[in-house]
C-alpha cells in the first residue's frame, strides 16, 4: 500500500464538506469522511488503476457522496490534490 498526503487545499475542501454535512444531519459528516477515506484507501492500493484526468492526475469518485478524489502519483507518495464535489449536469429532460 502506498502512502498518501493531502494537499492543503484538498484538506480544506474536505474539512469544509465535513462541516457542511455535520450541519445537515446527525452523523452525515462522519459518513462523508468514511466515504472519502475508503476511496483514498482504494487509490493507495491501486493508484494506476483509475482513469487519468488531465496530463498528470487521476480521479476516483466516492461510493456514496457526490465527490471525486483527484490525485497525482509522486515518487514517494500519492498526492491528493482535490476533494471535489461533482458538478450538477442537467439533461434537457431534467429541466422540463
Protein backbone atom coordinates (compact mmCIF):
# COMPACT_ATOMS: atom_id res chain seq x y z
CA UNK A 1 0.00 0.00 0.00
CA UNK A 2 1.21 3.49 -0.87
CA UNK A 3 1.43 6.47 1.46
CA UNK A 4 -0.78 9.47 0.73
CA UNK A 5 -0.66 13.16 1.55
CA UNK A 6 -3.47 15.69 1.28
CA UNK A 7 -2.57 18.96 -0.40
CA UNK A 8 -3.52 21.83 1.99
CA UNK A 9 -6.34 22.97 -0.32
CA UNK A 10 -7.69 19.41 -0.58
CA UNK A 11 -7.55 19.16 3.19
CA UNK A 12 -9.51 22.44 3.48
CA UNK A 13 -12.12 21.23 0.94
CA UNK A 14 -12.54 18.02 2.91
CA UNK A 15 -12.85 19.83 6.26
CA UNK A 16 -15.41 22.27 4.79
CA UNK A 17 -17.50 19.38 3.45
CA UNK A 18 -17.45 17.63 6.84
CA UNK A 19 -18.70 20.85 8.49
CA UNK A 20 -21.40 21.23 5.82
CA UNK A 21 -22.67 17.66 6.26
CA UNK A 22 -22.49 17.91 10.06
CA UNK A 23 -24.81 20.92 9.84
CA UNK A 24 -27.31 18.94 7.74
CA UNK A 25 -27.91 15.95 9.94
CA UNK A 26 -26.78 13.50 12.52
CA UNK A 27 -23.70 11.53 11.52
CA UNK A 28 -23.64 12.79 7.91
CA UNK A 29 -20.21 14.37 8.38
CA UNK A 30 -18.79 11.11 9.73
CA UNK A 31 -20.37 9.14 6.88
CA UNK A 32 -18.90 11.52 4.31
CA UNK A 33 -15.49 11.30 6.00
CA UNK A 34 -15.61 7.46 5.91
CA UNK A 35 -16.60 7.51 2.22
CA UNK A 36 -13.66 9.76 1.32
CA UNK A 37 -11.20 7.73 3.41
CA UNK A 38 -12.36 4.44 1.85
CA UNK A 39 -11.88 5.96 -1.61
CA UNK A 40 -8.37 7.13 -0.71
CA UNK A 41 -7.52 3.61 0.53
CA UNK A 42 -8.64 2.19 -2.85
CA UNK A 43 -6.41 4.73 -4.60
CA UNK A 44 -3.44 3.86 -2.39
CA UNK A 45 -3.90 0.15 -3.05
CA UNK A 46 -4.01 0.55 -6.86
CA UNK A 47 -3.06 4.11 -7.85
CA UNK A 48 -2.62 3.46 -11.59
CA UNK A 49 -5.93 1.61 -11.90
CA UNK A 50 -8.15 4.67 -12.13
CA UNK A 51 -8.67 6.97 -15.12
CA UNK A 52 -6.44 9.87 -15.96
CA UNK A 53 -7.96 13.30 -15.52
CA UNK A 54 -5.60 15.57 -17.37
CA UNK A 55 -1.94 15.00 -18.01
CA UNK A 56 -0.55 14.05 -14.61
CA UNK A 57 -3.56 13.45 -12.41
CA UNK A 58 -6.14 10.74 -11.96
CA UNK A 59 -9.57 10.59 -10.33
CA UNK A 60 -11.88 8.28 -8.50
CA UNK A 61 -15.44 9.00 -7.39
CA UNK A 62 -16.56 8.22 -3.87
CA UNK A 63 -19.15 5.45 -3.49
CA UNK A 64 -21.88 7.27 -1.59
CA UNK A 65 -21.38 11.02 -1.72
CA UNK A 66 -21.05 13.03 -4.92
CA UNK A 67 -17.29 13.71 -4.73
CA UNK A 68 -14.20 12.97 -6.78
CA UNK A 69 -10.78 12.40 -5.30
CA UNK A 70 -8.24 13.89 -7.70
CA UNK A 71 -4.66 12.78 -7.20
CA UNK A 72 -1.20 12.54 -8.68
CA UNK A 73 1.31 9.75 -8.32
CA UNK A 74 4.54 11.24 -6.98
CA UNK A 75 7.83 9.34 -6.45
CA UNK A 76 7.23 8.50 -2.77
CA UNK A 77 3.62 9.49 -2.15
CA UNK A 78 0.12 9.68 -3.60
CA UNK A 79 -0.72 13.40 -3.51
CA UNK A 80 -4.43 14.12 -3.09
CA UNK A 81 -4.77 17.44 -4.91
CA UNK A 82 -8.55 17.90 -4.57
CA UNK A 83 -11.64 16.54 -2.89
CA UNK A 84 -14.08 17.95 -5.41
CA UNK A 85 -17.86 17.97 -5.41
CA UNK A 86 -19.28 16.71 -8.71
CA UNK A 87 -20.88 19.50 -10.73
CA UNK A 88 -24.58 19.09 -11.36
CA UNK A 89 -25.19 18.18 -15.00
CA UNK A 90 -28.78 18.72 -16.07
CA UNK A 91 -30.09 16.99 -19.14
CA UNK A 92 -32.77 18.71 -21.22
CA UNK A 93 -35.35 16.28 -19.85
CA UNK A 94 -34.48 17.23 -16.28
CA UNK A 95 -35.25 20.89 -16.89
CA UNK A 96 -38.73 20.48 -18.35
